[in-house]
């Protein structure tokens, strides 16, 4: 079961990366939101999600993401990247 879920997450991350490079930012953000609903404590690639929110100037959502990441694990590299975008 864990292997199957990890494969789905990996495929979603590939889709997000593809959408990002196609500048389909809204679709990439929507896919990240779906991934986050599926696994709310996952911090992997959260820095890429924060980049999308920063580029789209979604400051409130970026702030919520930083707060959530800080609560989950404030010492993760991804958390530091997200928090660093808050200004």
C-alpha atoms as a PDB file:
ATOM      1  CA  UNK A   1       0.000   0.000   0.000  1.00  0.00           C
ATOM      2  CA  UNK A   2       2.780   2.451   0.888  1.00  0.00           C
ATOM      3  CA  UNK A   3       4.580   1.725  -2.372  1.00  0.00           C
ATOM      4  CA  UNK A   4       1.403   2.350  -4.379  1.00  0.00           C
ATOM      5  CA  UNK A   5       0.732   5.701  -2.650  1.00  0.00           C
ATOM      6  CA  UNK A   6       4.308   6.805  -3.123  1.00  0.00           C
ATOM      7  CA  UNK A   7       4.056   6.002  -6.847  1.00  0.00           C
ATOM      8  CA  UNK A   8       0.895   8.112  -7.146  1.00  0.00           C
ATOM      9  CA  UNK A   9       2.560  11.020  -5.332  1.00  0.00           C
ATOM     10  CA  UNK A  10       5.602  10.745  -7.586  1.00  0.00           C
ATOM     11  CA  UNK A  11       3.394  10.845 -10.683  1.00  0.00           C
ATOM     12  CA  UNK A  12       1.573  13.906  -9.360  1.00  0.00           C
ATOM     13  CA  UNK A  13       4.888  15.637  -8.696  1.00  0.00           C
ATOM     14  CA  UNK A  14       5.999  14.922 -12.254  1.00  0.00           C
ATOM     15  CA  UNK A  15       2.740  16.404 -13.511  1.00  0.00           C
ATOM     16  CA  UNK A  16       3.261  19.513 -11.371  1.00  0.00           C
ATOM     17  CA  UNK A  17       6.812  19.971 -12.664  1.00  0.00           C
ATOM     18  CA  UNK A  18       5.586  19.601 -16.229  1.00  0.00           C
ATOM     19  CA  UNK A  19       2.805  22.142 -15.686  1.00  0.00           C
ATOM     20  CA  UNK A  20       5.241  24.554 -14.040  1.00  0.00           C
ATOM     21  CA  UNK A  21       7.561  24.515 -17.037  1.00  0.00           C
ATOM     22  CA  UNK A  22       4.606  24.981 -19.374  1.00  0.00           C
ATOM     23  CA  UNK A  23       3.687  28.012 -17.244  1.00  0.00           C
ATOM     24  CA  UNK A  24       0.369  26.387 -16.376  1.00  0.00           C
ATOM     25  CA  UNK A  25       0.731  27.755 -12.875  1.00  0.00           C
ATOM     26  CA  UNK A  26      -2.939  27.568 -11.914  1.00  0.00           C
ATOM     27  CA  UNK A  27      -3.127  23.901 -12.868  1.00  0.00           C
ATOM     28  CA  UNK A  28       0.107  23.182 -10.987  1.00  0.00           C
ATOM     29  CA  UNK A  29      -1.247  24.917  -7.865  1.00  0.00           C
ATOM     30  CA  UNK A  30      -4.505  22.963  -8.100  1.00  0.00           C
ATOM     31  CA  UNK A  31      -2.552  19.696  -8.354  1.00  0.00           C
ATOM     32  CA  UNK A  32      -0.430  20.633  -5.322  1.00  0.00           C
ATOM     33  CA  UNK A  33      -3.611  21.390  -3.368  1.00  0.00           C
ATOM     34  CA  UNK A  34      -4.975  17.952  -4.243  1.00  0.00           C
ATOM     35  CA  UNK A  35      -1.701  16.328  -3.199  1.00  0.00           C
ATOM     36  CA  UNK A  36      -1.731  18.237   0.076  1.00  0.00           C
ATOM     37  CA  UNK A  37      -5.315  17.141   0.813  1.00  0.00           C
ATOM     38  CA  UNK A  38      -4.282  13.533   0.214  1.00  0.00           C
ATOM     39  CA  UNK A  39      -1.291  13.775   2.561  1.00  0.00           C
ATOM     40  CA  UNK A  40      -1.380  16.945   4.692  1.00  0.00           C
ATOM     41  CA  UNK A  41       1.821  16.153   6.615  1.00  0.00           C
ATOM     42  CA  UNK A  42       3.948  15.646   3.536  1.00  0.00           C
ATOM     43  CA  UNK A  43       6.656  18.296   3.186  1.00  0.00           C
ATOM     44  CA  UNK A  44       8.497  16.882   0.189  1.00  0.00           C
ATOM     45  CA  UNK A  45       8.609  19.376  -2.685  1.00  0.00           C
ATOM     46  CA  UNK A  46       6.765  21.976  -0.629  1.00  0.00           C
ATOM     47  CA  UNK A  47       9.427  24.456  -1.709  1.00  0.00           C
ATOM     48  CA  UNK A  48       8.211  24.098  -5.314  1.00  0.00           C
ATOM     49  CA  UNK A  49       4.637  24.747  -4.171  1.00  0.00           C
ATOM     50  CA  UNK A  50       5.784  27.857  -2.318  1.00  0.00           C
ATOM     51  CA  UNK A  51       7.545  29.048  -5.498  1.00  0.00           C
ATOM     52  CA  UNK A  52       4.265  28.803  -7.371  1.00  0.00           C
ATOM     53  CA  UNK A  53       2.403  30.711  -4.676  1.00  0.00           C
ATOM     54  CA  UNK A  54       5.120  33.382  -4.618  1.00  0.00           C
ATOM     55  CA  UNK A  55       5.089  33.825  -8.401  1.00  0.00           C
ATOM     56  CA  UNK A  56       1.279  34.101  -8.424  1.00  0.00           C
ATOM     57  CA  UNK A  57       1.485  36.608  -5.524  1.00  0.00           C
ATOM     58  CA  UNK A  58      -0.782  34.481  -3.306  1.00  0.00           C
ATOM     59  CA  UNK A  59       0.667  35.900  -0.081  1.00  0.00           C
ATOM     60  CA  UNK A  60      -2.088  34.773   2.282  1.00  0.00           C
ATOM     61  CA  UNK A  61      -1.941  31.177   1.065  1.00  0.00           C
ATOM     62  CA  UNK A  62       1.874  31.286   1.221  1.00  0.00           C
ATOM     63  CA  UNK A  63       1.655  32.486   4.806  1.00  0.00           C
ATOM     64  CA  UNK A  64      -0.730  29.641   5.704  1.00  0.00           C
ATOM     65  CA  UNK A  65       1.609  27.161   4.026  1.00  0.00           C
ATOM     66  CA  UNK A  66       4.596  28.501   5.987  1.00  0.00           C
ATOM     67  CA  UNK A  67       2.691  28.252   9.262  1.00  0.00           C
ATOM     68  CA  UNK A  68       1.563  24.696   8.486  1.00  0.00           C
ATOM     69  CA  UNK A  69       5.065  23.583   7.466  1.00  0.00           C
ATOM     70  CA  UNK A  70       6.486  25.133  10.656  1.00  0.00           C
ATOM     71  CA  UNK A  71       3.983  23.164  12.750  1.00  0.00           C
ATOM     72  CA  UNK A  72       4.788  19.888  10.970  1.00  0.00           C
ATOM     73  CA  UNK A  73       8.601  20.142  11.106  1.00  0.00           C
ATOM     74  CA  UNK A  74      10.316  23.477  11.578  1.00  0.00           C
ATOM     75  CA  UNK A  75      13.777  22.023  10.925  1.00  0.00           C
ATOM     76  CA  UNK A  76      13.136  20.639   7.423  1.00  0.00           C
ATOM     77  CA  UNK A  77      14.857  22.339   4.504  1.00  0.00           C
ATOM     78  CA  UNK A  78      11.526  22.692   2.703  1.00  0.00           C
ATOM     79  CA  UNK A  79      10.083  24.560   5.691  1.00  0.00           C
ATOM     80  CA  UNK A  80      12.998  26.984   5.685  1.00  0.00           C
ATOM     81  CA  UNK A  81      12.477  27.642   1.977  1.00  0.00           C
ATOM     82  CA  UNK A  82       8.771  28.343   2.478  1.00  0.00           C
ATOM     83  CA  UNK A  83       9.299  30.580   5.513  1.00  0.00           C
ATOM     84  CA  UNK A  84      12.065  32.461   3.690  1.00  0.00           C
ATOM     85  CA  UNK A  85       9.607  33.626   1.032  1.00  0.00           C
ATOM     86  CA  UNK A  86       7.477  35.488   3.578  1.00  0.00           C
ATOM     87  CA  UNK A  87       8.389  39.170   3.577  1.00  0.00           C
END
